[in-house]
Amino acid sequence: MIANKRAATVLRLLNKFYPRVSVPLKHRNLFTLLVSVALSAQTTDVNVNKATRKIYPKFNHPKHFVRLGRKKIEKLIRSTGFFKR
């Protein structure tokens, strides 16, 4: 129970000091946000948004990426420089 109270206190303080933090990465759902965050580790958010602008309208769910396969995904995200990881 102590951990829950501590977490609630931390969350309250974070919300106080950072009330409206926007996410610069364009995304459609939590999955695409996760993909964008992984890609942004190797390049800028601007580059990630450029690369994913054409991807997310068609491919925005894990099952879509599974169907695409590794080689097609690498081709789609090549411009981020992260395509081999």
Protein backbone atom coordinates (compact mmCIF):
# COMPACT_ATOMS: atom_id res chain seq x y z
CA MET A 1 0.00 0.00 0.00
CA ILE A 2 2.90 2.34 0.71
CA ALA A 3 4.15 1.94 -2.85
CA ASN A 4 0.70 2.87 -4.18
CA LYS A 5 0.65 6.06 -2.10
CA ARG A 6 4.16 6.94 -3.22
CA ALA A 7 3.23 6.35 -6.86
CA ALA A 8 0.12 8.51 -6.47
CA THR A 9 2.23 11.30 -4.93
CA VAL A 10 4.78 11.12 -7.74
CA LEU A 11 2.03 11.16 -10.36
CA ARG A 12 0.36 14.16 -8.71
CA LEU A 13 3.66 16.06 -8.65
CA LEU A 14 4.47 15.21 -12.27
CA ASN A 15 1.03 16.40 -13.34
CA LYS A 16 1.57 19.61 -11.38
CA PHE A 17 4.95 20.42 -12.92
CA TYR A 18 4.23 19.05 -16.42
CA PRO A 19 0.49 19.51 -16.88
CA ARG A 20 0.26 19.39 -20.65
CA VAL A 21 3.14 17.62 -22.24
CA SER A 22 2.51 17.01 -25.90
CA VAL A 23 3.99 14.07 -27.76
CA PRO A 24 5.81 15.33 -30.87
CA LEU A 25 5.64 11.91 -32.51
CA LYS A 26 2.65 11.39 -34.76
CA HIS A 27 0.81 8.19 -33.93
CA ARG A 28 -2.58 6.54 -34.28
CA ASN A 29 -2.65 4.30 -31.22
CA LEU A 30 -0.40 2.98 -28.46
CA PHE A 31 1.23 0.47 -30.80
CA THR A 32 2.24 3.11 -33.34
CA LEU A 33 3.46 5.33 -30.51
CA LEU A 34 5.67 2.47 -29.31
CA VAL A 35 7.05 1.97 -32.83
CA SER A 36 7.69 5.71 -33.19
CA VAL A 37 9.47 5.90 -29.84
CA ALA A 38 11.71 2.97 -30.80
CA LEU A 39 12.55 4.63 -34.12
CA SER A 40 13.17 8.01 -32.50
CA ALA A 41 15.97 6.52 -30.41
CA GLN A 42 18.15 6.59 -33.52
CA THR A 43 16.97 9.74 -35.31
CA THR A 44 14.96 12.89 -34.78
CA ASP A 45 11.23 12.99 -34.19
CA VAL A 46 10.89 14.95 -37.43
CA ASN A 47 12.51 12.11 -39.40
CA VAL A 48 10.34 9.52 -37.67
CA ASN A 49 7.20 11.50 -38.51
CA LYS A 50 8.28 11.76 -42.14
CA ALA A 51 8.93 8.03 -42.37
CA THR A 52 5.74 6.95 -40.61
CA ARG A 53 3.43 9.42 -42.35
CA LYS A 54 2.87 6.94 -45.18
CA ILE A 55 3.09 3.80 -43.05
CA TYR A 56 0.51 4.31 -40.30
CA PRO A 57 -2.55 4.87 -42.49
CA LYS A 58 -2.15 1.31 -43.83
CA PHE A 59 -0.14 -0.45 -41.13
CA ASN A 60 -1.03 0.47 -37.56
CA HIS A 61 -1.49 -2.81 -35.70
CA PRO A 62 0.99 -5.55 -34.74
CA LYS A 63 -0.73 -8.04 -37.06
CA HIS A 64 -0.06 -5.71 -40.01
CA PHE A 65 3.65 -5.69 -39.23
CA VAL A 66 3.72 -9.46 -38.86
CA ARG A 67 2.14 -9.84 -42.29
CA LEU A 68 4.60 -7.39 -43.84
CA GLY A 69 7.65 -9.27 -42.70
CA ARG A 70 11.09 -7.99 -41.84
CA LYS A 71 12.32 -7.07 -45.33
CA LYS A 72 9.28 -4.94 -46.18
CA ILE A 73 9.38 -3.22 -42.81
CA GLU A 74 13.08 -2.46 -43.29
CA LYS A 75 12.29 -0.89 -46.64
CA LEU A 76 9.49 1.24 -45.16
CA ILE A 77 11.63 2.63 -42.31
CA ARG A 78 14.94 2.79 -44.16
CA SER A 79 15.05 6.60 -44.07
CA THR A 80 15.24 6.58 -40.26
CA GLY A 81 18.59 4.79 -40.29
CA PHE A 82 17.16 2.27 -37.83
CA PHE A 83 15.98 -0.27 -40.38
CA LYS A 84 18.49 -3.02 -39.54
CA ARG A 85 17.67 -3.05 -35.85
